[in-house]
Protein backbone atom coordinates (compact mmCIF):
# COMPACT_ATOMS: atom_id res chain seq x y z
CA MET A 1 -8.74 18.70 9.94
CA SER A 2 -11.33 17.36 7.54
CA ARG A 3 -14.61 15.39 8.77
CA THR A 4 -13.49 12.56 6.49
CA ALA A 5 -9.79 11.86 7.99
CA ARG A 6 -11.16 12.66 11.38
CA LEU A 7 -13.09 9.42 10.82
CA VAL A 8 -10.50 7.42 9.17
CA CYS A 9 -8.31 8.21 12.49
CA SER A 10 -11.32 7.58 14.84
CA PHE A 11 -12.29 3.93 13.55
CA VAL A 12 -9.36 3.16 12.08
CA ALA A 13 -6.15 5.03 12.31
CA LEU A 14 -5.34 5.23 8.65
CA ALA A 15 -5.28 8.75 8.47
CA LEU A 16 -1.44 10.52 8.08
CA ALA A 17 -0.23 13.11 10.42
CA ARG A 18 -0.20 16.08 8.59
CA PRO A 19 -3.75 17.58 7.38
CA ALA A 20 -3.14 18.43 4.38
CA SER A 21 -1.49 15.34 2.87
CA THR A 22 -3.14 12.63 1.13
CA SER A 23 -4.34 9.87 3.33
CA PHE A 24 -3.51 5.97 3.28
CA VAL A 25 -7.26 5.06 2.50
CA GLU A 26 -6.99 7.60 -0.48
CA LYS A 27 -3.92 6.42 -1.91
CA GLU A 28 -5.16 2.94 -1.69
CA ALA A 29 -8.66 3.85 -3.79
CA ALA A 30 -6.42 5.43 -6.35
CA ALA A 31 -4.39 2.61 -6.74
CA ALA A 32 -7.14 -0.01 -7.11
CA THR A 33 -8.16 2.36 -10.39
CA HIS A 34 -4.29 3.34 -11.31
CA PRO A 35 -2.38 1.04 -9.64
CA SER A 36 1.67 0.91 -8.88
CA GLY A 37 3.07 -2.22 -7.41
CA PRO A 38 6.20 -0.43 -5.45
CA GLN A 39 4.32 3.21 -5.28
CA ARG A 40 1.20 0.72 -3.18
CA ASN A 41 4.34 -1.43 -0.80
CA GLU A 42 5.79 2.31 -0.38
CA ASP A 43 2.40 3.56 0.90
CA LEU A 44 2.05 0.61 2.68
CA LEU A 45 5.55 -0.14 4.36
CA ARG A 46 4.91 4.15 5.18
CA GLU A 47 1.24 3.23 7.02
CA LEU A 48 2.94 0.26 8.94
CA GLN A 49 5.35 2.04 10.63
CA ARG A 50 2.58 4.64 11.64
CA VAL A 51 0.17 2.72 13.00
CA HIS A 52 2.33 0.37 14.76
CA GLY A 53 4.92 2.69 15.96
CA LEU A 54 8.05 0.29 14.19
CA SER A 55 11.33 1.61 14.87
CA GLY A 56 13.97 2.37 12.01
CA GLU A 57 15.47 -0.86 12.92
CA SER A 58 12.69 -2.89 12.39
CA MET A 59 11.69 -1.07 9.23
CA ARG A 60 15.31 -1.89 7.75
CA ARG A 61 14.84 -5.19 8.48
CA ILE A 62 10.74 -5.09 6.83
CA ARG A 63 12.01 -3.18 3.55
CA GLU A 64 14.80 -6.11 3.02
CA VAL A 65 12.38 -8.66 2.71
CA PHE A 66 9.95 -6.50 0.56
CA ALA A 67 12.74 -5.45 -1.93
CA GLY A 68 14.05 -9.19 -1.59
CA SER A 69 10.89 -10.74 -3.75
CA ALA A 70 9.80 -9.11 -7.01
CA MET A 71 6.05 -10.16 -6.02
CA ILE A 72 5.40 -9.42 -2.36
CA GLY A 73 2.76 -7.11 -1.70
CA GLN A 74 -0.90 -6.54 -2.11
CA GLY A 75 -1.23 -8.66 -5.75
CA ASN A 76 -0.35 -8.19 -9.07
CA PRO A 77 -1.71 -4.96 -9.89
CA ALA A 78 -2.04 -5.84 -13.80
CA VAL A 79 -4.77 -8.49 -12.58
CA THR A 80 -5.91 -7.82 -9.01
CA ARG A 81 -9.32 -6.27 -8.70
CA HIS A 82 -9.99 -5.75 -5.19
CA PRO A 83 -14.26 -5.86 -4.91
CA ALA A 84 -14.21 -2.64 -2.31
CA THR A 85 -12.18 -0.11 -1.72
CA PRO A 86 -10.47 0.97 1.73
CA ASP A 87 -13.06 4.20 1.91
CA ALA A 88 -15.91 1.90 1.28
CA CYS A 89 -14.67 -0.70 4.69
CA VAL A 90 -13.91 3.08 6.33
CA ALA A 91 -17.22 4.13 5.25
CA LYS A 92 -18.71 0.68 6.57
CA LEU A 93 -17.13 0.81 10.30
CA ARG A 94 -18.47 4.26 10.50
CA GLU A 95 -22.29 3.48 9.45
CA ALA A 96 -22.01 0.68 11.70
CA GLY A 97 -20.49 2.59 14.82
CA ILE A 98 -17.40 0.15 15.04
CA SER A 99 -14.26 1.18 16.29
CA HIS A 100 -11.03 -1.38 16.24
CA GLU A 101 -9.79 0.55 19.28
CA GLN A 102 -8.99 -1.56 22.52
CA PRO A 103 -6.82 -0.05 25.05
CA GLU A 104 -7.26 -3.45 27.45
CA SER A 105 -6.08 -5.72 24.59
CA ASP A 106 -3.26 -3.38 23.24
CA ARG A 107 -1.74 -3.16 27.45
CA ILE A 108 -2.06 -6.59 27.68
CA CYS A 109 -0.12 -7.37 24.09
CA GLY A 110 2.21 -4.96 24.08
CA ALA A 111 1.11 -3.62 20.61
CA ARG A 112 -1.62 -2.37 18.88
CA TYR A 113 -4.63 -4.66 16.96
CA MET A 114 -3.77 -7.83 18.57
CA ALA A 115 -5.93 -10.27 20.21
CA PRO A 116 -5.21 -11.90 24.07
CA LEU A 117 -5.26 -16.37 23.67
CA TYR A 118 -6.81 -18.11 26.48
CA ASP A 119 -9.09 -19.98 27.58
CA PRO A 120 -12.29 -18.45 28.93
CA SER A 121 -13.27 -21.54 30.66
CA ARG A 122 -10.60 -21.03 33.20
CA GLU A 123 -8.55 -17.51 32.36
CA LYS A 124 -8.99 -14.10 31.91
CA PRO A 125 -7.32 -11.92 29.06
CA GLN A 126 -4.93 -10.98 31.75
CA ASP A 127 -3.95 -14.15 31.81
CA ALA A 128 -2.62 -14.77 28.08
CA ARG A 129 0.48 -15.90 27.20
CA ALA A 130 0.29 -14.99 23.75
CA CYS A 131 -1.50 -12.95 21.75
CA ILE A 132 -2.66 -12.89 17.96
CA ASP A 133 -2.99 -9.84 15.12
CA ARG A 134 -6.64 -9.39 15.13
CA PHE A 135 -5.95 -9.19 11.16
CA GLU A 136 -3.91 -10.39 8.73
CA PHE A 137 -0.73 -8.82 7.73
CA PRO A 138 -0.03 -5.69 7.68
CA ASN A 139 -2.52 -6.09 10.49
CA ILE A 140 -4.29 -2.57 9.92
CA PRO A 141 -8.14 -2.53 9.61
CA CYS A 142 -9.48 -1.29 5.63
CA ALA A 143 -5.83 -2.28 4.42
CA TYR A 144 -5.56 -5.49 1.73
CA PRO A 145 -3.60 -8.31 3.30
CA VAL A 146 0.05 -8.90 2.11
CA VAL A 147 -0.11 -12.03 -0.63
CA TRP A 148 2.90 -13.59 -2.35
CA VAL A 149 4.92 -13.79 0.47
CA ARG A 150 6.86 -17.15 1.62
CA ALA A 151 6.73 -18.83 4.47
CA ARG A 152 10.16 -18.15 5.62
CA GLU A 153 9.69 -13.91 4.34
CA ALA A 154 6.32 -14.36 6.75
CA ALA A 155 8.69 -15.52 9.83
CA LEU A 156 11.21 -12.67 8.81
CA LEU A 157 9.01 -10.12 8.40
CA CYS A 158 7.11 -11.26 12.04
CA GLU A 159 10.23 -11.06 13.79
CA ALA A 160 11.05 -7.75 12.50
CA GLU A 161 8.40 -6.34 14.58
CA GLY A 162 9.10 -8.11 17.68
CA LYS A 163 6.36 -10.86 16.89
CA ARG A 164 6.66 -14.45 15.72
CA LEU A 165 4.87 -16.72 12.98
CA CYS A 166 2.05 -18.21 14.84
CA ASP A 167 1.83 -21.95 15.77
CA ALA A 168 -1.29 -24.11 14.52
CA HIS A 169 -2.67 -24.26 17.93
CA GLU A 170 -2.53 -20.48 18.29
CA TRP A 171 -4.34 -19.52 14.84
CA GLU A 172 -6.73 -22.76 15.48
CA GLY A 173 -7.79 -21.52 19.20
CA ALA A 174 -8.12 -17.94 18.09
CA CYS A 175 -10.58 -19.29 15.61
CA ALA A 176 -12.28 -21.18 18.34
CA GLY A 177 -12.27 -18.83 20.72
CA SER A 178 -10.52 -21.21 23.21
CA LEU A 179 -6.55 -21.69 23.63
CA GLU A 180 -6.35 -25.41 24.61
CA GLU A 181 -2.87 -26.78 25.08
CA PRO A 182 -1.57 -28.34 22.53
CA ASP A 183 -2.46 -31.32 20.88
CA TYR A 184 0.47 -32.08 18.18
CA ARG A 185 0.70 -35.71 18.08
CA PHE A 186 4.78 -35.96 17.74
CA ASP A 187 4.83 -39.63 18.36
CA LEU A 188 3.52 -40.23 15.05
CA ALA A 189 6.35 -38.23 13.26
CA ARG A 190 9.14 -40.13 14.65
CA GLY A 191 10.95 -41.62 12.18
CA ARG A 192 9.25 -40.30 9.39
CA ASN A 193 9.89 -37.83 6.38
CA GLN A 194 8.03 -34.67 6.35
CA GLY A 195 4.89 -35.32 4.31
CA SER A 196 4.39 -38.93 6.25
CA ALA A 197 4.75 -37.47 9.41
CA VAL A 198 2.39 -34.50 8.78
CA GLU A 199 -0.34 -36.58 6.81
CA SER A 200 -0.02 -39.24 10.04
CA MET A 201 -0.20 -36.10 12.61
CA ARG A 202 -3.43 -34.23 10.94
CA ALA A 203 -4.90 -37.36 10.24
CA ALA A 204 -5.14 -38.05 13.80
CA HIS A 205 -6.05 -34.54 14.84
CA ASN A 206 -8.69 -34.15 12.48
CA ARG A 207 -10.18 -37.74 13.52
CA ALA A 208 -10.29 -36.25 17.08
CA ARG A 209 -11.89 -32.71 15.98
CA ALA A 210 -14.34 -33.67 13.56
CA ALA A 211 -17.50 -34.02 15.96
CA SER A 212 -16.61 -30.59 17.37
CA LYS A 213 -16.40 -28.48 13.93
CA SER A 214 -16.99 -24.59 14.66
CA TRP A 215 -15.86 -21.94 12.26
CA SER A 216 -15.03 -18.42 13.63
CA TYR A 217 -18.47 -16.99 13.25
CA GLY A 218 -20.08 -20.09 14.52
CA PRO A 219 -21.42 -23.89 14.49
CA ALA A 220 -22.22 -23.91 10.86
CA TYR A 221 -20.85 -22.58 7.59
CA GLN A 222 -22.23 -19.51 6.54
CA ALA A 223 -21.96 -17.94 3.02
CA GLY A 224 -21.82 -14.20 2.94
CA VAL A 225 -20.55 -13.60 6.68
CA CYS A 226 -16.84 -13.38 5.79
CA ALA A 227 -14.94 -12.52 2.74
CA ALA A 228 -15.00 -15.17 0.35
CA SER A 229 -17.70 -13.84 -2.50
CA SER A 230 -14.77 -12.07 -4.21
CA GLN A 231 -13.93 -14.32 -7.93
CA LYS A 232 -10.41 -15.92 -9.65
CA THR A 233 -9.43 -13.96 -12.51
CA ALA A 234 -10.80 -15.36 -15.54
CA GLY A 235 -7.91 -17.74 -17.06
CA CYS A 236 -5.89 -18.05 -13.62
CA GLY A 237 -4.93 -21.54 -13.25
CA GLY A 238 -2.31 -23.41 -11.08
CA GLY A 239 -1.51 -19.87 -9.60
CA GLU A 240 0.52 -17.65 -12.39
CA TRP A 241 1.58 -13.81 -11.02
CA THR A 242 0.42 -12.66 -15.04
CA ARG A 243 -3.04 -14.41 -14.70
CA CYS A 244 -3.93 -14.79 -11.07
CA GLY A 245 -5.39 -11.12 -9.18
CA SER A 246 -5.66 -11.09 -5.22
CA ASN A 247 -8.99 -10.42 -5.43
CA THR A 248 -9.24 -9.26 -2.00
CA PHE A 249 -11.24 -7.18 0.54
CA PRO A 250 -9.87 -4.95 2.81
CA ALA A 251 -9.86 -6.26 5.86
CA GLY A 252 -12.27 -6.18 8.59
CA PHE A 253 -14.68 -5.84 5.70
CA PHE A 254 -16.90 -8.04 6.90
CA PRO A 255 -17.83 -7.02 10.52
CA ALA A 256 -19.48 -10.29 11.59
CA CYS A 257 -16.66 -12.26 10.47
CA HIS A 258 -14.64 -12.46 13.26
CA SER A 259 -14.10 -15.22 16.31
CA SER A 260 -14.96 -14.85 19.88
CA SER A 261 -11.46 -13.44 20.71
CA GLY A 262 -11.95 -10.71 18.44
CA VAL A 263 -9.81 -11.67 15.74
CA TYR A 264 -11.06 -10.97 11.81
CA ASP A 265 -11.14 -12.65 8.64
CA LEU A 266 -10.07 -16.01 9.90
CA ASN A 267 -12.09 -17.67 7.19
CA GLY A 268 -11.88 -15.88 3.50
CA ASN A 269 -10.02 -13.09 2.26
CA ALA A 270 -6.45 -14.63 2.40
CA ALA A 271 -5.43 -18.55 3.43
CA GLU A 272 -2.70 -17.77 5.64
CA HIS A 273 1.13 -19.37 7.07
CA MET A 274 0.98 -21.24 10.32
CA ASN A 275 4.30 -23.24 11.70
CA LEU A 276 3.80 -26.62 11.87
CA PRO A 277 6.09 -28.56 14.16
CA LEU A 278 6.68 -31.96 13.80
CA ASP A 279 8.44 -31.84 17.41
CA GLU A 280 8.90 -29.81 20.47
CA SER A 281 12.01 -28.00 19.68
CA GLN A 282 9.96 -26.25 16.13
CA MET A 283 7.36 -24.96 18.27
CA GLY A 284 7.70 -20.90 18.47
CA SER A 285 4.85 -20.38 21.05
CA ARG A 286 8.09 -22.45 23.39
CA GLY A 287 10.88 -19.79 21.79
CA SER A 288 11.81 -22.30 18.69
CA ARG A 289 13.39 -20.00 15.80
CA LYS A 290 14.12 -22.55 13.86
CA LEU A 291 10.76 -23.75 13.19
CA GLY A 292 8.74 -26.71 11.68
CA VAL A 293 7.11 -27.26 8.53
CA THR A 294 4.96 -25.14 6.60
CA GLU A 295 0.80 -25.35 7.12
CA MET A 296 -2.04 -23.63 5.38
CA LYS A 297 -5.13 -22.06 7.60
CA GLY A 298 -8.13 -20.87 6.77
CA SER A 299 -9.57 -20.34 3.27
CA TRP A 300 -9.63 -17.62 0.94
CA PHE A 301 -11.64 -15.12 -1.16
CA ILE A 302 -13.84 -17.04 -3.66
CA PHE A 303 -15.20 -19.87 -1.06
CA ASP A 304 -18.80 -18.54 -0.82
CA ARG A 305 -18.62 -19.60 -4.58
CA TYR A 306 -16.26 -22.55 -4.70
CA ARG A 307 -15.39 -24.16 -1.07
CA ALA A 308 -12.22 -25.83 -2.82
CA HIS A 309 -11.35 -27.71 0.68
CA GLU A 310 -12.46 -27.57 4.62
CA ASP A 311 -11.48 -24.60 6.78
CA TRP A 312 -13.04 -25.44 10.18
CA CYS A 313 -10.98 -23.42 12.50
CA ARG A 314 -8.80 -26.74 14.22
CA TRP A 315 -8.78 -28.30 10.98
CA ARG A 316 -5.39 -29.25 9.95
CA ALA A 317 -4.43 -29.69 5.77
CA PRO A 318 -2.15 -31.65 3.84
CA PHE A 319 0.93 -30.65 3.19
CA TRP A 320 0.18 -28.53 0.29
CA HIS A 321 3.42 -27.09 -1.63
CA GLY A 322 5.01 -28.49 1.88
CA SER A 323 8.55 -27.29 3.31
CA ARG A 324 10.35 -26.67 6.11
CA VAL A 325 8.94 -22.91 7.39
CA MET A 326 12.74 -21.45 6.69
CA ASP A 327 12.94 -22.83 3.21
CA ALA A 328 14.26 -20.09 1.14
CA GLN A 329 11.80 -21.23 -1.38
CA SER A 330 8.77 -21.87 0.41
CA HIS A 331 5.54 -21.71 -1.03
CA GLU A 332 4.13 -18.31 -2.07
CA ASN A 333 0.71 -17.47 -4.44
CA TYR A 334 -2.00 -15.10 -5.48
CA HIS A 335 -4.13 -15.90 -2.19
CA LEU A 336 -2.06 -16.81 0.76
CA GLY A 337 -1.02 -14.36 3.55
CA PHE A 338 0.14 -14.53 7.06
CA ARG A 339 -1.05 -13.09 10.42
CA CYS A 340 1.72 -12.75 13.25
CA CYS A 341 1.51 -13.84 17.21
CA LYS A 342 3.71 -12.90 20.22
CA THR A 343 4.72 -14.16 23.06
CA VAL A 344 3.75 -12.04 26.41
CA ARG A 345 4.86 -13.77 28.77
């Protein structure tokens, strides 16, 4: 095996099993110059299965979701211009001596590249009842995040992997470095329509949390720390497929952009679908499969240039493009992806 392939395996586990074959990183780099959307998705799905050891049935369900969408993937290749390649990401990790392999977390979570969610003031990682992906889907270091994905599709993809879409408080805990007890004000949602319920609940939540704002990397917003220095495609307006490139960075390209929980790109790169329950029966963390309504978490790849909205860890967003998570017409766009959670006990 070549030195390049060994480095890829050591640091990001992105080399293919056969030494003579073309690595996923090499394919991704070539795609940045000579893109083919279907081929990129096929390469991605093969690598997803290899890295995460997914079964044939899991892959059948994942392929079914991808086949049902004309846009899901790593961006429209015709207009997407990524600021960095997977090769550059691998080199950056190598030079910094960074490995994302964490066998103890793998053991606790029962899956690769996941972080235990717990309260470090009173618990240990082994006490975690849930885990979260350390990177945006496909949860592979140095791969571009999957975007143009509806909330329903995100939930189905997580489920196919034996995981689930995260509840809002779980994402917030991963970002802030401490999983707290759920604080959803379900009392404020009773008797209201979805939009009014979300607005009442988020307003109360944000007032209670405003004095303790933090970002995944620290107590104040800092430019240059996360994948937020890219730019919108010229002529991109409201999010059109043909005009708006998904100009994201490879996952983990900014090594300092992680929380104390070890979760990356919670700020910047792609915003993320999450589940916001309006009553206890909609909490994925308590076994719900019907789920609640959509919430967009985090920020995306232009935020160092233009901060379009708040993005501190425990901030809850307005009901933008809102729907039930499992609505077949739930929102999708060029800078919106997701990551998964998993109940472990």
